[in-house]
């Protein structure tokens, strides 16, 4: 699948920052909320069951986890796999689109660590 960059003319985008805003808005709509990034981060390591997601993410309720997973599935970020056995096994896995956000999450982690270091240093001056 072509990336956003491949689908647009770079020169036109630079002349019209509205495209940047729209792309950023789309991204924020998918990852918006307190729980989506922790869910995505938990899924970066491969397929995982609901119970294991609950254990990985502190203070999330089962109802909220279910809601967030459904939204991520609707947005094409997460795939829900049902294995018809006894008992039924359900696993969640990131789609290719979901895996592509790794660079964004890594950049956010790097920025967060840098920012935290700067804040701590400024408080101890």
PDB file of N, CA and C in Angstrom:
ATOM      1  N   UNK A   1       0.839  -1.180   0.000  1.00  0.00           N
ATOM      2  CA  UNK A   1       0.000   0.000   0.000  1.00  0.00           C
ATOM      3  C   UNK A   1       0.882   1.241   0.000  1.00  0.00           C
ATOM      4  N   UNK A   2       0.491   2.224  -0.764  1.00  0.00           N
ATOM      5  CA  UNK A   2       1.261   3.466  -0.829  1.00  0.00           C
ATOM      6  C   UNK A   2       1.124   4.246   0.470  1.00  0.00           C
ATOM      7  N   UNK A   3       2.198   4.888   0.861  1.00  0.00           N
ATOM      8  CA  UNK A   3       2.129   5.740   2.036  1.00  0.00           C
ATOM      9  C   UNK A   3       1.484   7.060   1.648  1.00  0.00           C
ATOM     10  N   UNK A   4       1.119   7.831   2.654  1.00  0.00           N
ATOM     11  CA  UNK A   4       0.520   9.148   2.427  1.00  0.00           C
ATOM     12  C   UNK A   4       1.446   9.989   1.563  1.00  0.00           C
ATOM     13  N   UNK A   5       2.752   9.903   1.833  1.00  0.00           N
ATOM     14  CA  UNK A   5       3.733  10.681   1.079  1.00  0.00           C
ATOM     15  C   UNK A   5       3.718  10.316  -0.398  1.00  0.00           C
ATOM     16  N   UNK A   6       3.501   9.011  -0.692  1.00  0.00           N
ATOM     17  CA  UNK A   6       3.496   8.562  -2.082  1.00  0.00           C
ATOM     18  C   UNK A   6       2.237   8.991  -2.822  1.00  0.00           C
ATOM     19  N   UNK A   7       1.156   9.214  -2.086  1.00  0.00           N
ATOM     20  CA  UNK A   7      -0.121   9.528  -2.710  1.00  0.00           C
ATOM     21  C   UNK A   7      -0.301  11.006  -3.031  1.00  0.00           C
ATOM     22  N   UNK A   8       0.582  11.836  -2.528  1.00  0.00           N
ATOM     23  CA  UNK A   8       0.409  13.272  -2.718  1.00  0.00           C
ATOM     24  C   UNK A   8       1.639  13.890  -3.365  1.00  0.00           C
ATOM     25  N   UNK A   9       1.434  15.026  -3.936  1.00  0.00           N
ATOM     26  CA  UNK A   9       2.532  15.793  -4.512  1.00  0.00           C
ATOM     27  C   UNK A   9       3.126  16.632  -3.394  1.00  0.00           C
ATOM     28  N   UNK A  10       4.374  16.366  -3.046  1.00  0.00           N
ATOM     29  CA  UNK A  10       5.052  17.026  -1.917  1.00  0.00           C
ATOM     30  C   UNK A  10       5.050  18.551  -2.061  1.00  0.00           C
ATOM     31  N   UNK A  11       5.232  19.056  -3.264  1.00  0.00           N
ATOM     32  CA  UNK A  11       5.266  20.502  -3.474  1.00  0.00           C
ATOM     33  C   UNK A  11       3.921  21.141  -3.150  1.00  0.00           C
ATOM     34  N   UNK A  12       2.843  20.469  -3.549  1.00  0.00           N
ATOM     35  CA  UNK A  12       1.510  21.009  -3.265  1.00  0.00           C
ATOM     36  C   UNK A  12       1.238  21.041  -1.768  1.00  0.00           C
ATOM     37  N   UNK A  13       1.697  20.016  -1.065  1.00  0.00           N
ATOM     38  CA  UNK A  13       1.489  19.967   0.389  1.00  0.00           C
ATOM     39  C   UNK A  13       2.226  21.109   1.061  1.00  0.00           C
ATOM     40  N   UNK A  14       3.446  21.374   0.619  1.00  0.00           N
ATOM     41  CA  UNK A  14       4.220  22.439   1.237  1.00  0.00           C
ATOM     42  C   UNK A  14       3.581  23.799   0.977  1.00  0.00           C
ATOM     43  N   UNK A  15       2.861  23.911  -0.125  1.00  0.00           N
ATOM     44  CA  UNK A  15       2.168  25.158  -0.415  1.00  0.00           C
ATOM     45  C   UNK A  15       0.855  25.253   0.351  1.00  0.00           C
ATOM     46  N   UNK A  16       0.348  24.122   0.800  1.00  0.00           N
ATOM     47  CA  UNK A  16      -0.940  24.093   1.487  1.00  0.00           C
ATOM     48  C   UNK A  16      -0.807  23.309   2.795  1.00  0.00           C
ATOM     49  N   UNK A  17      -0.475  23.992   3.883  1.00  0.00           N
ATOM     50  CA  UNK A  17      -0.279  23.291   5.151  1.00  0.00           C
ATOM     51  C   UNK A  17      -1.544  22.612   5.672  1.00  0.00           C
ATOM     52  N   UNK A  18      -2.671  22.884   5.045  1.00  0.00           N
ATOM     53  CA  UNK A  18      -3.924  22.252   5.451  1.00  0.00           C
ATOM     54  C   UNK A  18      -3.806  20.726   5.385  1.00  0.00           C
ATOM     55  N   UNK A  19      -3.061  20.214   4.398  1.00  0.00           N
ATOM     56  CA  UNK A  19      -2.873  18.764   4.276  1.00  0.00           C
ATOM     57  C   UNK A  19      -2.130  18.203   5.485  1.00  0.00           C
ATOM     58  N   UNK A  20      -1.150  18.947   5.980  1.00  0.00           N
ATOM     59  CA  UNK A  20      -0.439  18.512   7.179  1.00  0.00           C
ATOM     60  C   UNK A  20      -1.380  18.456   8.365  1.00  0.00           C
ATOM     61  N   UNK A  21      -2.199  19.475   8.481  1.00  0.00           N
ATOM     62  CA  UNK A  21      -3.154  19.532   9.596  1.00  0.00           C
ATOM     63  C   UNK A  21      -4.145  18.375   9.501  1.00  0.00           C
ATOM     64  N   UNK A  22      -4.632  18.098   8.301  1.00  0.00           N
ATOM     65  CA  UNK A  22      -5.575  16.991   8.120  1.00  0.00           C
ATOM     66  C   UNK A  22      -4.923  15.655   8.461  1.00  0.00           C
ATOM     67  N   UNK A  23      -3.687  15.453   8.022  1.00  0.00           N
ATOM     68  CA  UNK A  23      -2.985  14.202   8.316  1.00  0.00           C
ATOM     69  C   UNK A  23      -2.749  14.058   9.817  1.00  0.00           C
ATOM     70  N   UNK A  24      -2.369  15.133  10.471  1.00  0.00           N
ATOM     71  CA  UNK A  24      -2.167  15.103  11.917  1.00  0.00           C
ATOM     72  C   UNK A  24      -3.475  14.847  12.643  1.00  0.00           C
ATOM     73  N   UNK A  25      -4.548  15.464  12.188  1.00  0.00           N
ATOM     74  CA  UNK A  25      -5.866  15.251  12.785  1.00  0.00           C
ATOM     75  C   UNK A  25      -6.290  13.793  12.647  1.00  0.00           C
ATOM     76  N   UNK A  26      -6.063  13.206  11.482  1.00  0.00           N
ATOM     77  CA  UNK A  26      -6.378  11.790  11.285  1.00  0.00           C
ATOM     78  C   UNK A  26      -5.610  10.917  12.272  1.00  0.00           C
ATOM     79  N   UNK A  27      -4.333  11.207  12.433  1.00  0.00           N
ATOM     80  CA  UNK A  27      -3.505  10.442  13.359  1.00  0.00           C
ATOM     81  C   UNK A  27      -4.029  10.567  14.784  1.00  0.00           C
ATOM     82  N   UNK A  28      -4.305  11.789  15.193  1.00  0.00           N
ATOM     83  CA  UNK A  28      -4.790  12.010  16.559  1.00  0.00           C
ATOM     84  C   UNK A  28      -6.152  11.365  16.791  1.00  0.00           C
ATOM     85  N   UNK A  29      -6.991  11.334  15.779  1.00  0.00           N
ATOM     86  CA  UNK A  29      -8.295  10.689  15.923  1.00  0.00           C
ATOM     87  C   UNK A  29      -8.155   9.200  16.190  1.00  0.00           C
ATOM     88  N   UNK A  30      -7.148   8.578  15.614  1.00  0.00           N
ATOM     89  CA  UNK A  30      -6.943   7.140  15.821  1.00  0.00           C
ATOM     90  C   UNK A  30      -6.334   6.861  17.184  1.00  0.00           C
ATOM     91  N   UNK A  31      -5.349   7.649  17.611  1.00  0.00           N
ATOM     92  CA  UNK A  31      -4.629   7.368  18.863  1.00  0.00           C
ATOM     93  C   UNK A  31      -5.114   8.206  20.035  1.00  0.00           C
ATOM     94  N   UNK A  32      -6.190   8.954  19.832  1.00  0.00           N
ATOM     95  CA  UNK A  32      -6.716   9.850  20.849  1.00  0.00           C
ATOM     96  C   UNK A  32      -7.164   9.087  22.095  1.00  0.00           C
ATOM     97  N   UNK A  33      -6.901   9.666  23.230  1.00  0.00           N
ATOM     98  CA  UNK A  33      -7.375   9.106  24.483  1.00  0.00           C
ATOM     99  C   UNK A  33      -6.238   8.599  25.347  1.00  0.00           C
ATOM    100  N   UNK A  34      -6.581   8.352  26.573  1.00  0.00           N
ATOM    101  CA  UNK A  34      -5.616   7.944  27.582  1.00  0.00           C
ATOM    102  C   UNK A  34      -5.069   6.530  27.345  1.00  0.00           C
ATOM    103  N   UNK A  35      -5.865   5.659  26.741  1.00  0.00           N
ATOM    104  CA  UNK A  35      -5.531   4.241  26.723  1.00  0.00           C
ATOM    105  C   UNK A  35      -5.010   3.704  25.398  1.00  0.00           C
ATOM    106  N   UNK A  36      -5.226   4.395  24.307  1.00  0.00           N
ATOM    107  CA  UNK A  36      -4.892   3.813  23.004  1.00  0.00           C
ATOM    108  C   UNK A  36      -3.390   3.571  22.834  1.00  0.00           C
ATOM    109  N   UNK A  37      -2.565   4.513  23.197  1.00  0.00           N
ATOM    110  CA  UNK A  37      -1.119   4.307  23.044  1.00  0.00           C
ATOM    111  C   UNK A  37      -0.601   3.174  23.934  1.00  0.00           C
ATOM    112  N   UNK A  38      -1.042   3.075  25.189  1.00  0.00           N
ATOM    113  CA  UNK A  38      -0.613   1.904  25.971  1.00  0.00           C
ATOM    114  C   UNK A  38      -1.074   0.576  25.368  1.00  0.00           C
ATOM    115  N   UNK A  39      -2.264   0.558  24.783  1.00  0.00           N
ATOM    116  CA  UNK A  39      -2.753  -0.661  24.131  1.00  0.00           C
ATOM    117  C   UNK A  39      -1.869  -0.978  22.932  1.00  0.00           C
ATOM    118  N   UNK A  40      -1.608   0.018  22.111  1.00  0.00           N
ATOM    119  CA  UNK A  40      -0.773  -0.179  20.926  1.00  0.00           C
ATOM    120  C   UNK A  40       0.625  -0.640  21.336  1.00  0.00           C
ATOM    121  N   UNK A  41       1.180  -0.015  22.367  1.00  0.00           N
ATOM    122  CA  UNK A  41       2.514  -0.397  22.840  1.00  0.00           C
ATOM    123  C   UNK A  41       2.521  -1.853  23.310  1.00  0.00           C
ATOM    124  N   UNK A  42       1.456  -2.296  23.951  1.00  0.00           N
ATOM    125  CA  UNK A  42       1.366  -3.694  24.397  1.00  0.00           C
ATOM    126  C   UNK A  42       1.294  -4.653  23.218  1.00  0.00           C
ATOM    127  N   UNK A  43       0.683  -4.202  22.142  1.00  0.00           N
ATOM    128  CA  UNK A  43       0.522  -5.048  20.957  1.00  0.00           C
ATOM    129  C   UNK A  43       1.749  -5.051  20.051  1.00  0.00           C
ATOM    130  N   UNK A  44       2.691  -4.159  20.284  1.00  0.00           N
ATOM    131  CA  UNK A  44       3.886  -4.089  19.450  1.00  0.00           C
ATOM    132  C   UNK A  44       4.728  -5.364  19.543  1.00  0.00           C
ATOM    133  N   UNK A  45       4.549  -6.110  20.604  1.00  0.00           N
ATOM    134  CA  UNK A  45       5.347  -7.318  20.820  1.00  0.00           C
ATOM    135  C   UNK A  45       4.700  -8.565  20.230  1.00  0.00           C
ATOM    136  N   UNK A  46       3.584  -8.396  19.534  1.00  0.00           N
ATOM    137  CA  UNK A  46       2.924  -9.537  18.901  1.00  0.00           C
ATOM    138  C   UNK A  46       1.508  -9.722  19.401  1.00  0.00           C
ATOM    139  N   UNK A  47       0.912 -10.834  18.994  1.00  0.00           N
ATOM    140  CA  UNK A  47      -0.485 -11.086  19.367  1.00  0.00           C
ATOM    141  C   UNK A  47      -0.606 -11.293  20.869  1.00  0.00           C
ATOM    142  N   UNK A  48      -1.756 -10.876  21.383  1.00  0.00           N
ATOM    143  CA  UNK A  48      -1.951 -10.915  22.828  1.00  0.00           C
ATOM    144  C   UNK A  48      -3.436 -11.091  23.136  1.00  0.00           C
ATOM    145  N   UNK A  49      -3.719 -11.739  24.241  1.00  0.00           N
ATOM    146  CA  UNK A  49      -5.092 -11.973  24.665  1.00  0.00           C
ATOM    147  C   UNK A  49      -5.576 -10.805  25.519  1.00  0.00           C
ATOM    148  N   UNK A  50      -6.895 -10.686  25.609  1.00  0.00           N
ATOM    149  CA  UNK A  50      -7.535  -9.615  26.358  1.00  0.00           C
ATOM    150  C   UNK A  50      -7.032  -9.582  27.801  1.00  0.00           C
ATOM    151  N   UNK A  51      -6.997 -10.755  28.431  1.00  0.00           N
ATOM    152  CA  UNK A  51      -6.563 -10.860  29.835  1.00  0.00           C
ATOM    153  C   UNK A  51      -5.138 -10.331  30.007  1.00  0.00           C
ATOM    154  N   UNK A  52      -4.288 -10.647  29.053  1.00  0.00           N
ATOM    155  CA  UNK A  52      -2.896 -10.189  29.128  1.00  0.00           C
ATOM    156  C   UNK A  52      -2.795  -8.678  28.929  1.00  0.00           C
ATOM    157  N   UNK A  53      -3.641  -8.138  28.053  1.00  0.00           N
ATOM    158  CA  UNK A  53      -3.692  -6.677  27.899  1.00  0.00           C
ATOM    159  C   UNK A  53      -4.105  -6.024  29.210  1.00  0.00           C
ATOM    160  N   UNK A  54      -5.089  -6.624  29.876  1.00  0.00           N
ATOM    161  CA  UNK A  54      -5.549  -6.091  31.177  1.00  0.00           C
ATOM    162  C   UNK A  54      -4.393  -6.052  32.178  1.00  0.00           C
ATOM    163  N   UNK A  55      -3.580  -7.089  32.166  1.00  0.00           N
ATOM    164  CA  UNK A  55      -2.448  -7.156  33.100  1.00  0.00           C
ATOM    165  C   UNK A  55      -1.358  -6.147  32.741  1.00  0.00           C
ATOM    166  N   UNK A  56      -1.177  -5.906  31.450  1.00  0.00           N
ATOM    167  CA  UNK A  56      -0.130  -4.985  30.999  1.00  0.00           C
ATOM    168  C   UNK A  56      -0.452  -3.522  31.283  1.00  0.00           C
ATOM    169  N   UNK A  57      -1.730  -3.184  31.279  1.00  0.00           N
ATOM    170  CA  UNK A  57      -2.135  -1.782  31.355  1.00  0.00           C
ATOM    171  C   UNK A  57      -2.818  -1.526  32.697  1.00  0.00           C
ATOM    172  N   UNK A  58      -2.107  -0.864  33.567  1.00  0.00           N
ATOM    173  CA  UNK A  58      -2.635  -0.586  34.912  1.00  0.00           C
ATOM    174  C   UNK A  58      -3.852   0.325  34.872  1.00  0.00           C
ATOM    175  N   UNK A  59      -4.800   0.021  35.712  1.00  0.00           N
ATOM    176  CA  UNK A  59      -5.980   0.851  35.978  1.00  0.00           C
ATOM    177  C   UNK A  59      -6.993   0.939  34.842  1.00  0.00           C
ATOM    178  N   UNK A  60      -6.845   0.170  33.787  1.00  0.00           N
ATOM    179  CA  UNK A  60      -7.861   0.184  32.735  1.00  0.00           C
ATOM    180  C   UNK A  60      -8.938  -0.831  33.115  1.00  0.00           C
ATOM    181  N   UNK A  61     -10.184  -0.468  32.895  1.00  0.00           N
ATOM    182  CA  UNK A  61     -11.284  -1.381  33.190  1.00  0.00           C
ATOM    183  C   UNK A  61     -11.532  -2.287  31.976  1.00  0.00           C
ATOM    184  N   UNK A  62     -12.107  -3.453  32.198  1.00  0.00           N
ATOM    185  CA  UNK A  62     -12.424  -4.324  31.064  1.00  0.00           C
ATOM    186  C   UNK A  62     -13.336  -3.641  30.047  1.00  0.00           C
ATOM    187  N   UNK A  63     -14.287  -2.884  30.529  1.00  0.00           N
ATOM    188  CA  UNK A  63     -15.211  -2.185  29.635  1.00  0.00           C
ATOM    189  C   UNK A  63     -14.473  -1.170  28.760  1.00  0.00           C
ATOM    190  N   UNK A  64     -13.551  -0.410  29.358  1.00  0.00           N
ATOM    191  CA  UNK A  64     -12.792   0.594  28.614  1.00  0.00           C
ATOM    192  C   UNK A  64     -11.844  -0.078  27.617  1.00  0.00           C
ATOM    193  N   UNK A  65     -11.197  -1.162  28.034  1.00  0.00           N
ATOM    194  CA  UNK A  65     -10.300  -1.875  27.131  1.00  0.00           C
ATOM    195  C   UNK A  65     -11.072  -2.405  25.927  1.00  0.00           C
ATOM    196  N   UNK A  66     -12.230  -2.967  26.177  1.00  0.00           N
ATOM    197  CA  UNK A  66     -13.068  -3.481  25.090  1.00  0.00           C
ATOM    198  C   UNK A  66     -13.464  -2.369  24.127  1.00  0.00           C
ATOM    199  N   UNK A  67     -13.872  -1.229  24.670  1.00  0.00           N
ATOM    200  CA  UNK A  67     -14.276  -0.077  23.859  1.00  0.00           C
ATOM    201  C   UNK A  67     -13.112   0.418  22.998  1.00  0.00           C
ATOM    202  N   UNK A  68     -11.955   0.567  23.600  1.00  0.00           N
ATOM    203  CA  UNK A  68     -10.784   1.079  22.883  1.00  0.00           C
ATOM    204  C   UNK A  68     -10.321   0.099  21.806  1.00  0.00           C
ATOM    205  N   UNK A  69     -10.355  -1.199  22.103  1.00  0.00           N
ATOM    206  CA  UNK A  69      -9.978  -2.196  21.107  1.00  0.00           C
ATOM    207  C   UNK A  69     -10.929  -2.167  19.920  1.00  0.00           C
ATOM    208  N   UNK A  70     -12.223  -2.001  20.182  1.00  0.00           N
ATOM    209  CA  UNK A  70     -13.201  -1.911  19.090  1.00  0.00           C
ATOM    210  C   UNK A  70     -12.926  -0.698  18.210  1.00  0.00           C
ATOM    211  N   UNK A  71     -12.598   0.443  18.824  1.00  0.00           N
ATOM    212  CA  UNK A  71     -12.293   1.651  18.052  1.00  0.00           C
ATOM    213  C   UNK A  71     -11.025   1.463  17.218  1.00  0.00           C
ATOM    214  N   UNK A  72     -10.016   0.843  17.806  1.00  0.00           N
ATOM    215  CA  UNK A  72      -8.779   0.582  17.068  1.00  0.00           C
ATOM    216  C   UNK A  72      -9.033  -0.392  15.922  1.00  0.00           C
ATOM    217  N   UNK A  73      -9.935  -1.339  16.137  1.00  0.00           N
ATOM    218  CA  UNK A  73     -10.286  -2.291  15.075  1.00  0.00           C
ATOM    219  C   UNK A  73     -11.036  -1.582  13.949  1.00  0.00           C
ATOM    220  N   UNK A  74     -11.971  -0.718  14.300  1.00  0.00           N
ATOM    221  CA  UNK A  74     -12.725   0.047  13.300  1.00  0.00           C
ATOM    222  C   UNK A  74     -11.785   0.910  12.457  1.00  0.00           C
ATOM    223  N   UNK A  75     -10.775   1.472  13.087  1.00  0.00           N
ATOM    224  CA  UNK A  75      -9.818   2.340  12.393  1.00  0.00           C
ATOM    225  C   UNK A  75      -8.725   1.553  11.664  1.00  0.00           C
ATOM    226  N   UNK A  76      -8.816   0.243  11.659  1.00  0.00           N
ATOM    227  CA  UNK A  76      -7.862  -0.570  10.908  1.00  0.00           C
ATOM    228  C   UNK A  76      -6.498  -0.697  11.548  1.00  0.00           C
ATOM    229  N   UNK A  77      -6.426  -0.487  12.844  1.00  0.00           N
ATOM    230  CA  UNK A  77      -5.170  -0.531  13.575  1.00  0.00           C
ATOM    231  C   UNK A  77      -4.928  -1.886  14.220  1.00  0.00           C
ATOM    232  N   UNK A  78      -6.028  -2.530  14.616  1.00  0.00           N
ATOM    233  CA  UNK A  78      -5.969  -3.790  15.349  1.00  0.00           C
ATOM    234  C   UNK A  78      -6.864  -4.805  14.658  1.00  0.00           C
ATOM    235  N   UNK A  79      -6.386  -6.031  14.643  1.00  0.00           N
ATOM    236  CA  UNK A  79      -7.193  -7.145  14.122  1.00  0.00           C
ATOM    237  C   UNK A  79      -7.546  -8.062  15.290  1.00  0.00           C
ATOM    238  N   UNK A  80      -8.806  -8.430  15.347  1.00  0.00           N
ATOM    239  CA  UNK A  80      -9.295  -9.360  16.380  1.00  0.00           C
ATOM    240  C   UNK A  80      -9.395 -10.732  15.735  1.00  0.00           C
ATOM    241  N   UNK A  81      -8.662 -11.691  16.280  1.00  0.00           N
ATOM    242  CA  UNK A  81      -8.667 -13.051  15.738  1.00  0.00           C
ATOM    243  C   UNK A  81      -9.385 -13.977  16.710  1.00  0.00           C
ATOM    244  N   UNK A  82     -10.390 -14.661  16.196  1.00  0.00           N
ATOM    245  CA  UNK A  82     -11.170 -15.592  17.012  1.00  0.00           C
ATOM    246  C   UNK A  82     -10.842 -17.006  16.561  1.00  0.00           C
ATOM    247  N   UNK A  83     -10.413 -17.849  17.510  1.00  0.00           N
ATOM    248  CA  UNK A  83     -10.119 -19.249  17.237  1.00  0.00           C
ATOM    249  C   UNK A  83     -11.234 -20.070  17.866  1.00  0.00           C
ATOM    250  N   UNK A  84     -11.979 -20.756  17.018  1.00  0.00           N
ATOM    251  CA  UNK A  84     -13.136 -21.528  17.487  1.00  0.00           C
ATOM    252  C   UNK A  84     -12.666 -22.875  18.031  1.00  0.00           C
ATOM    253  N   UNK A  85     -12.435 -22.864  19.303  1.00  0.00           N
ATOM    254  CA  UNK A  85     -12.031 -24.065  20.029  1.00  0.00           C
ATOM    255  C   UNK A  85     -12.720 -23.994  21.382  1.00  0.00           C
ATOM    256  N   UNK A  86     -12.486 -24.934  22.214  1.00  0.00           N
ATOM    257  CA  UNK A  86     -13.092 -24.903  23.539  1.00  0.00           C
ATOM    258  C   UNK A  86     -11.984 -24.774  24.558  1.00  0.00           C
ATOM    259  N   UNK A  87     -11.956 -23.729  25.357  1.00  0.00           N
ATOM    260  CA  UNK A  87     -12.770 -22.519  25.238  1.00  0.00           C
ATOM    261  C   UNK A  87     -12.318 -21.675  24.031  1.00  0.00           C
ATOM    262  N   UNK A  88     -13.180 -20.768  23.616  1.00  0.00           N
ATOM    263  CA  UNK A  88     -12.878 -19.895  22.478  1.00  0.00           C
ATOM    264  C   UNK A  88     -11.671 -19.037  22.825  1.00  0.00           C
ATOM    265  N   UNK A  89     -10.751 -18.933  21.899  1.00  0.00           N
ATOM    266  CA  UNK A  89      -9.544 -18.132  22.094  1.00  0.00           C
ATOM    267  C   UNK A  89      -9.652 -16.891  21.213  1.00  0.00           C
ATOM    268  N   UNK A  90      -9.480 -15.726  21.814  1.00  0.00           N
ATOM    269  CA  UNK A  90      -9.503 -14.459  21.079  1.00  0.00           C
ATOM    270  C   UNK A  90      -8.180 -13.758  21.326  1.00  0.00           C
ATOM    271  N   UNK A  91      -7.530 -13.372  20.237  1.00  0.00           N
ATOM    272  CA  UNK A  91      -6.271 -12.646  20.325  1.00  0.00           C
ATOM    273  C   UNK A  91      -6.376 -11.363  19.519  1.00  0.00           C
ATOM    274  N   UNK A  92      -5.582 -10.404  19.916  1.00  0.00           N
ATOM    275  CA  UNK A  92      -5.517  -9.127  19.211  1.00  0.00           C
ATOM    276  C   UNK A  92      -4.113  -8.969  18.675  1.00  0.00           C
ATOM    277  N   UNK A  93      -4.037  -8.405  17.467  1.00  0.00           N
ATOM    278  CA  UNK A  93      -2.744  -8.200  16.821  1.00  0.00           C
ATOM    279  C   UNK A  93      -2.811  -6.901  16.026  1.00  0.00           C
ATOM    280  N   UNK A  94      -1.686  -6.207  15.953  1.00  0.00           N
ATOM    281  CA  UNK A  94      -1.634  -4.982  15.160  1.00  0.00           C
ATOM    282  C   UNK A  94      -1.682  -5.323  13.679  1.00  0.00           C
ATOM    283  N   UNK A  95      -2.395  -4.533  12.914  1.00  0.00           N
ATOM    284  CA  UNK A  95      -2.374  -4.642  11.460  1.00  0.00           C
ATOM    285  C   UNK A  95      -1.073  -4.007  10.968  1.00  0.00           C
ATOM    286  N   UNK A  96      -0.829  -4.091   9.673  1.00  0.00           N
ATOM    287  CA  UNK A  96       0.362  -3.430   9.118  1.00  0.00           C
ATOM    288  C   UNK A  96       0.319  -1.933   9.400  1.00  0.00           C
ATOM    289  N   UNK A  97      -0.865  -1.345   9.295  1.00  0.00           N
ATOM    290  CA  UNK A  97      -1.016   0.083   9.589  1.00  0.00           C
ATOM    291  C   UNK A  97      -0.669   0.363  11.048  1.00  0.00           C
ATOM    292  N   UNK A  98      -1.109  -0.503  11.927  1.00  0.00           N
ATOM    293  CA  UNK A  98      -0.804  -0.346  13.348  1.00  0.00           C
ATOM    294  C   UNK A  98       0.681  -0.475  13.633  1.00  0.00           C
ATOM    295  N   UNK A  99       1.335  -1.387  12.930  1.00  0.00           N
ATOM    296  CA  UNK A  99       2.781  -1.570  13.126  1.00  0.00           C
ATOM    297  C   UNK A  99       3.565  -0.370  12.617  1.00  0.00           C
ATOM    298  N   UNK A 100       3.026   0.312  11.627  1.00  0.00           N
ATOM    299  CA  UNK A 100       3.735   1.458  11.052  1.00  0.00           C
ATOM    300  C   UNK A 100       3.829   2.647  11.994  1.00  0.00           C
ATOM    301  N   UNK A 101       3.090   2.636  13.078  1.00  0.00           N
ATOM    302  CA  UNK A 101       3.152   3.762  14.016  1.00  0.00           C
ATOM    303  C   UNK A 101       4.341   3.636  14.968  1.00  0.00           C
ATOM    304  N   UNK A 102       5.086   2.559  14.855  1.00  0.00           N
ATOM    305  CA  UNK A 102       6.237   2.338  15.733  1.00  0.00           C
ATOM    306  C   UNK A 102       7.192   3.524  15.739  1.00  0.00           C
ATOM    307  N   UNK A 103       7.483   4.068  14.566  1.00  0.00           N
ATOM    308  CA  UNK A 103       8.400   5.211  14.484  1.00  0.00           C
ATOM    309  C   UNK A 103       7.847   6.413  15.246  1.00  0.00           C
ATOM    310  N   UNK A 104       6.552   6.613  15.158  1.00  0.00           N
ATOM    311  CA  UNK A 104       5.910   7.736  15.858  1.00  0.00           C
ATOM    312  C   UNK A 104       6.021   7.529  17.368  1.00  0.00           C
ATOM    313  N   UNK A 105       5.719   6.325  17.822  1.00  0.00           N
ATOM    314  CA  UNK A 105       5.791   6.033  19.261  1.00  0.00           C
ATOM    315  C   UNK A 105       7.228   6.159  19.751  1.00  0.00           C
ATOM    316  N   UNK A 106       8.181   5.632  18.981  1.00  0.00           N
ATOM    317  CA  UNK A 106       9.596   5.757  19.365  1.00  0.00           C
ATOM    318  C   UNK A 106      10.002   7.224  19.484  1.00  0.00           C
ATOM    319  N   UNK A 107       9.568   8.049  18.529  1.00  0.00           N
ATOM    320  CA  UNK A 107       9.884   9.480  18.575  1.00  0.00           C
ATOM    321  C   UNK A 107       9.246  10.137  19.793  1.00  0.00           C
ATOM    322  N   UNK A 108       8.017   9.732  20.128  1.00  0.00           N
ATOM    323  CA  UNK A 108       7.348  10.288  21.306  1.00  0.00           C
ATOM    324  C   UNK A 108       8.074   9.889  22.591  1.00  0.00           C
ATOM    325  N   UNK A 109       8.540   8.641  22.647  1.00  0.00           N
ATOM    326  CA  UNK A 109       9.288   8.178  23.819  1.00  0.00           C
ATOM    327  C   UNK A 109      10.596   8.949  23.948  1.00  0.00           C
ATOM    328  N   UNK A 110      11.314   9.093  22.838  1.00  0.00           N
ATOM    329  CA  UNK A 110      12.575   9.853  22.862  1.00  0.00           C
ATOM    330  C   UNK A 110      12.344  11.280  23.329  1.00  0.00           C
ATOM    331  N   UNK A 111      11.318  11.931  22.778  1.00  0.00           N
ATOM    332  CA  UNK A 111      11.022  13.302  23.173  1.00  0.00           C
ATOM    333  C   UNK A 111      10.649  13.354  24.649  1.00  0.00           C
ATOM    334  N   UNK A 112       9.815  12.419  25.097  1.00  0.00           N
ATOM    335  CA  UNK A 112       9.380  12.400  26.497  1.00  0.00           C
ATOM    336  C   UNK A 112      10.537  12.237  27.458  1.00  0.00           C
ATOM    337  N   UNK A 113      11.482  11.361  27.106  1.00  0.00           N
ATOM    338  CA  UNK A 113      12.651  11.164  27.972  1.00  0.00           C
ATOM    339  C   UNK A 113      13.521  12.413  28.001  1.00  0.00           C
ATOM    340  N   UNK A 114      13.721  13.035  26.844  1.00  0.00           N
ATOM    341  CA  UNK A 114      14.513  14.255  26.765  1.00  0.00           C
ATOM    342  C   UNK A 114      13.839  15.377  27.566  1.00  0.00           C
ATOM    343  N   UNK A 115      12.542  15.520  27.382  1.00  0.00           N
ATOM    344  CA  UNK A 115      11.791  16.565  28.072  1.00  0.00           C
ATOM    345  C   UNK A 115      11.837  16.357  29.586  1.00  0.00           C
ATOM    346  N   UNK A 116      11.622  15.134  30.024  1.00  0.00           N
ATOM    347  CA  UNK A 116      11.652  14.828  31.457  1.00  0.00           C
ATOM    348  C   UNK A 116      13.016  15.177  32.048  1.00  0.00           C
ATOM    349  N   UNK A 117      14.091  14.827  31.332  1.00  0.00           N
ATOM    350  CA  UNK A 117      15.448  15.133  31.793  1.00  0.00           C
ATOM    351  C   UNK A 117      15.637  16.638  31.936  1.00  0.00           C
ATOM    352  N   UNK A 118      15.175  17.402  30.950  1.00  0.00           N
ATOM    353  CA  UNK A 118      15.299  18.853  30.997  1.00  0.00           C
ATOM    354  C   UNK A 118      14.508  19.453  32.147  1.00  0.00           C
ATOM    355  N   UNK A 119      13.319  18.943  32.372  1.00  0.00           N
ATOM    356  CA  UNK A 119      12.475  19.455  33.466  1.00  0.00           C
ATOM    357  C   UNK A 119      13.125  19.155  34.812  1.00  0.00           C
ATOM    358  N   UNK A 120      13.613  17.934  34.966  1.00  0.00           N
ATOM    359  CA  UNK A 120      14.261  17.557  36.235  1.00  0.00           C
ATOM    360  C   UNK A 120      15.500  18.410  36.466  1.00  0.00           C
ATOM    361  N   UNK A 121      16.304  18.613  35.421  1.00  0.00           N
ATOM    362  CA  UNK A 121      17.507  19.450  35.555  1.00  0.00           C
ATOM    363  C   UNK A 121      17.146  20.877  35.962  1.00  0.00           C
ATOM    364  N   UNK A 122      16.094  21.427  35.370  1.00  0.00           N
ATOM    365  CA  UNK A 122      15.722  22.806  35.660  1.00  0.00           C
ATOM    366  C   UNK A 122      15.203  22.953  37.087  1.00  0.00           C
ATOM    367  N   UNK A 123      14.633  21.920  37.640  1.00  0.00           N
ATOM    368  CA  UNK A 123      14.125  21.966  39.020  1.00  0.00           C
ATOM    369  C   UNK A 123      15.239  21.881  40.049  1.00  0.00           C
ATOM    370  N   UNK A 124      16.380  21.295  39.679  1.00  0.00           N
ATOM    371  CA  UNK A 124      17.472  21.117  40.612  1.00  0.00           C
ATOM    372  C   UNK A 124      18.527  22.202  40.514  1.00  0.00           C
ATOM    373  N   UNK A 125      18.271  23.220  39.734  1.00  0.00           N
ATOM    374  CA  UNK A 125      19.237  24.324  39.605  1.00  0.00           C
ATOM    375  C   UNK A 125      19.205  25.209  40.812  1.00  0.00           C
TER     376      UNK A 125
END
